[in-house]
Amino acid sequence: MIQRKNHIFWFASILVLFLIIYTLSSVLMPFVAGIILAYFLDPIVDRLEELGLWRSLSTFFVLTAFMLCSAGCFLLLFPVIAAQLSNLTIFLPNIVNKIQPLFEFVSSFLNSNMKSESEDLFPSSVGSILEGGGGS
């Protein structure tokens, strides 16, 4: 009996923890990003510290280098992404026009299947019973 209560307690605790994490996920995301960043950049800071640089100064250098590399990557990728989005806005009407017959076919197919299935599930005698005809 005690073990069962113990299992229930841990299950409820884990459930509450996941609920809290899910609820606060938008708030926790910067912290998760910071933890990941620190995990990958800490060995570089440690290496610079071994070479005789103060930890605060080596942290400054590593973070500055990381920010410059990130900004450089953004500046390199921004024109490519902008051109791709521009092409998408140009070609999107053509793509929609080409796909529209497919959507119409699927929609008519699903509607006809739903209609035939509903007739199979509810034969006409059920409809007459519901209307008060007695089914005969």
Protein backbone atom coordinates (compact mmCIF):
# COMPACT_ATOMS: atom_id res chain seq x y z
CA MET A 1 0.00 0.00 0.00
CA ILE A 2 2.83 2.36 0.86
CA GLN A 3 4.61 1.58 -2.42
CA ARG A 4 1.44 2.33 -4.37
CA LYS A 5 1.11 5.71 -2.66
CA ASN A 6 4.78 6.29 -3.43
CA HIS A 7 4.21 5.54 -7.14
CA ILE A 8 1.18 7.80 -7.24
CA PHE A 9 3.15 10.60 -5.59
CA TRP A 10 6.00 10.36 -8.10
CA PHE A 11 3.65 10.08 -11.05
CA ALA A 12 1.74 13.16 -9.88
CA SER A 13 4.99 15.04 -9.22
CA ILE A 14 6.33 14.29 -12.70
CA LEU A 15 2.98 15.24 -14.24
CA VAL A 16 2.97 18.57 -12.38
CA LEU A 17 6.59 19.19 -13.42
CA PHE A 18 5.77 18.61 -17.10
CA LEU A 19 2.71 20.83 -16.80
CA ILE A 20 4.81 23.63 -15.30
CA ILE A 21 7.46 23.25 -18.01
CA TYR A 22 4.79 23.28 -20.74
CA THR A 23 3.10 26.33 -19.26
CA LEU A 24 6.35 28.27 -18.85
CA SER A 25 8.01 27.08 -22.08
CA SER A 26 8.02 30.53 -23.67
CA VAL A 27 9.65 32.02 -20.57
CA LEU A 28 12.15 29.17 -20.17
CA MET A 29 13.39 29.20 -23.77
CA PRO A 30 15.99 32.00 -23.29
CA PHE A 31 17.34 30.15 -20.25
CA VAL A 32 17.63 26.93 -22.22
CA ALA A 33 19.41 28.78 -25.02
CA GLY A 34 21.79 30.31 -22.46
CA ILE A 35 22.53 26.93 -20.93
CA ILE A 36 23.29 25.44 -24.35
CA LEU A 37 25.47 28.42 -25.24
CA ALA A 38 27.39 28.18 -21.96
CA TYR A 39 27.84 24.42 -22.43
CA PHE A 40 29.51 24.89 -25.82
CA LEU A 41 31.50 28.06 -25.08
CA ASP A 42 32.80 27.20 -21.59
CA PRO A 43 35.63 24.93 -22.84
CA ILE A 44 36.97 27.79 -24.96
CA VAL A 45 36.88 30.13 -21.96
CA ASP A 46 38.60 27.48 -19.84
CA ARG A 47 41.35 27.10 -22.47
CA LEU A 48 41.93 30.87 -22.59
CA GLU A 49 42.05 30.92 -18.79
CA GLU A 50 44.71 28.19 -18.84
CA LEU A 51 46.74 30.37 -21.20
CA GLY A 52 46.84 33.06 -18.51
CA LEU A 53 43.89 35.31 -19.40
CA TRP A 54 41.50 36.38 -16.65
CA ARG A 55 38.21 34.53 -16.78
CA SER A 56 36.14 37.69 -17.18
CA LEU A 57 38.35 38.89 -20.04
CA SER A 58 38.32 35.51 -21.77
CA THR A 59 34.51 35.38 -21.38
CA PHE A 60 34.30 38.82 -22.96
CA PHE A 61 36.47 37.75 -25.90
CA VAL A 62 34.58 34.50 -26.47
CA LEU A 63 31.16 36.15 -26.31
CA THR A 64 32.29 39.00 -28.57
CA ALA A 65 33.66 36.52 -31.11
CA PHE A 66 30.44 34.49 -30.92
CA MET A 67 28.27 37.56 -31.43
CA LEU A 68 30.39 38.73 -34.38
CA CYS A 69 30.19 35.28 -35.99
CA SER A 70 26.42 35.17 -35.42
CA ALA A 71 25.97 38.64 -36.93
CA GLY A 72 28.17 37.66 -39.89
CA CYS A 73 26.12 34.52 -40.52
CA PHE A 74 22.93 36.55 -40.32
CA LEU A 75 24.29 39.12 -42.76
CA LEU A 76 25.32 36.36 -45.17
CA LEU A 77 22.01 34.51 -44.97
CA PHE A 78 19.65 37.49 -44.96
CA PRO A 79 19.88 38.29 -48.70
CA VAL A 80 19.36 34.62 -49.60
CA ILE A 81 16.29 34.31 -47.36
CA ALA A 82 14.89 37.62 -48.63
CA ALA A 83 15.32 36.49 -52.26
CA GLN A 84 13.64 33.16 -51.50
CA LEU A 85 10.68 34.91 -49.83
CA SER A 86 10.42 37.31 -52.76
CA ASN A 87 10.32 34.38 -55.21
CA LEU A 88 7.73 32.66 -53.05
CA THR A 89 5.43 35.68 -53.18
CA ILE A 90 5.81 35.76 -56.97
CA PHE A 91 5.17 32.06 -57.55
CA LEU A 92 2.64 31.40 -54.77
CA PRO A 93 -0.46 32.28 -56.88
CA ASN A 94 0.70 29.85 -59.60
CA ILE A 95 1.31 27.12 -57.04
CA VAL A 96 -2.13 27.65 -55.49
CA ASN A 97 -3.77 27.54 -58.95
CA LYS A 98 -2.00 24.26 -59.73
CA ILE A 99 -2.93 22.68 -56.40
CA GLN A 100 -6.54 23.93 -56.31
CA PRO A 101 -7.94 21.14 -58.58
CA LEU A 102 -6.35 18.58 -56.27
CA PHE A 103 -8.05 20.14 -53.24
CA GLU A 104 -11.38 20.22 -55.08
CA PHE A 105 -11.01 16.55 -56.04
CA VAL A 106 -10.13 15.51 -52.49
CA SER A 107 -12.97 17.60 -51.09
CA SER A 108 -15.55 16.08 -53.45
CA PHE A 109 -14.16 12.59 -52.80
CA LEU A 110 -14.41 13.03 -49.04
CA ASN A 111 -17.89 14.53 -49.28
CA SER A 112 -19.16 11.64 -51.41
CA ASN A 113 -17.59 9.06 -49.09
CA MET A 114 -19.05 10.73 -46.01
CA LYS A 115 -22.46 10.87 -47.62
CA SER A 116 -22.39 7.17 -48.58
CA GLU A 117 -21.10 6.17 -45.13
CA SER A 118 -23.83 8.18 -43.41
CA GLU A 119 -26.44 6.46 -45.61
CA ASP A 120 -24.98 3.08 -44.61
CA LEU A 121 -25.07 3.99 -40.93
CA PHE A 122 -28.52 5.52 -40.99
CA PRO A 123 -30.78 3.75 -43.47
CA SER A 124 -33.99 5.36 -44.62
CA SER A 125 -36.05 3.34 -42.14
CA VAL A 126 -34.23 5.02 -39.27
CA GLY A 127 -35.09 8.37 -40.80
CA SER A 128 -38.72 7.40 -41.03
CA ILE A 129 -38.72 6.16 -37.45
CA LEU A 130 -37.29 9.43 -36.29
CA GLU A 131 -39.90 11.34 -38.27
CA GLY A 132 -42.59 9.33 -36.56
CA GLY A 133 -43.52 7.08 -39.49
CA GLY A 134 -43.12 3.90 -37.49
CA GLY A 135 -40.71 2.30 -39.95
CA SER A 136 -43.31 0.52 -42.07
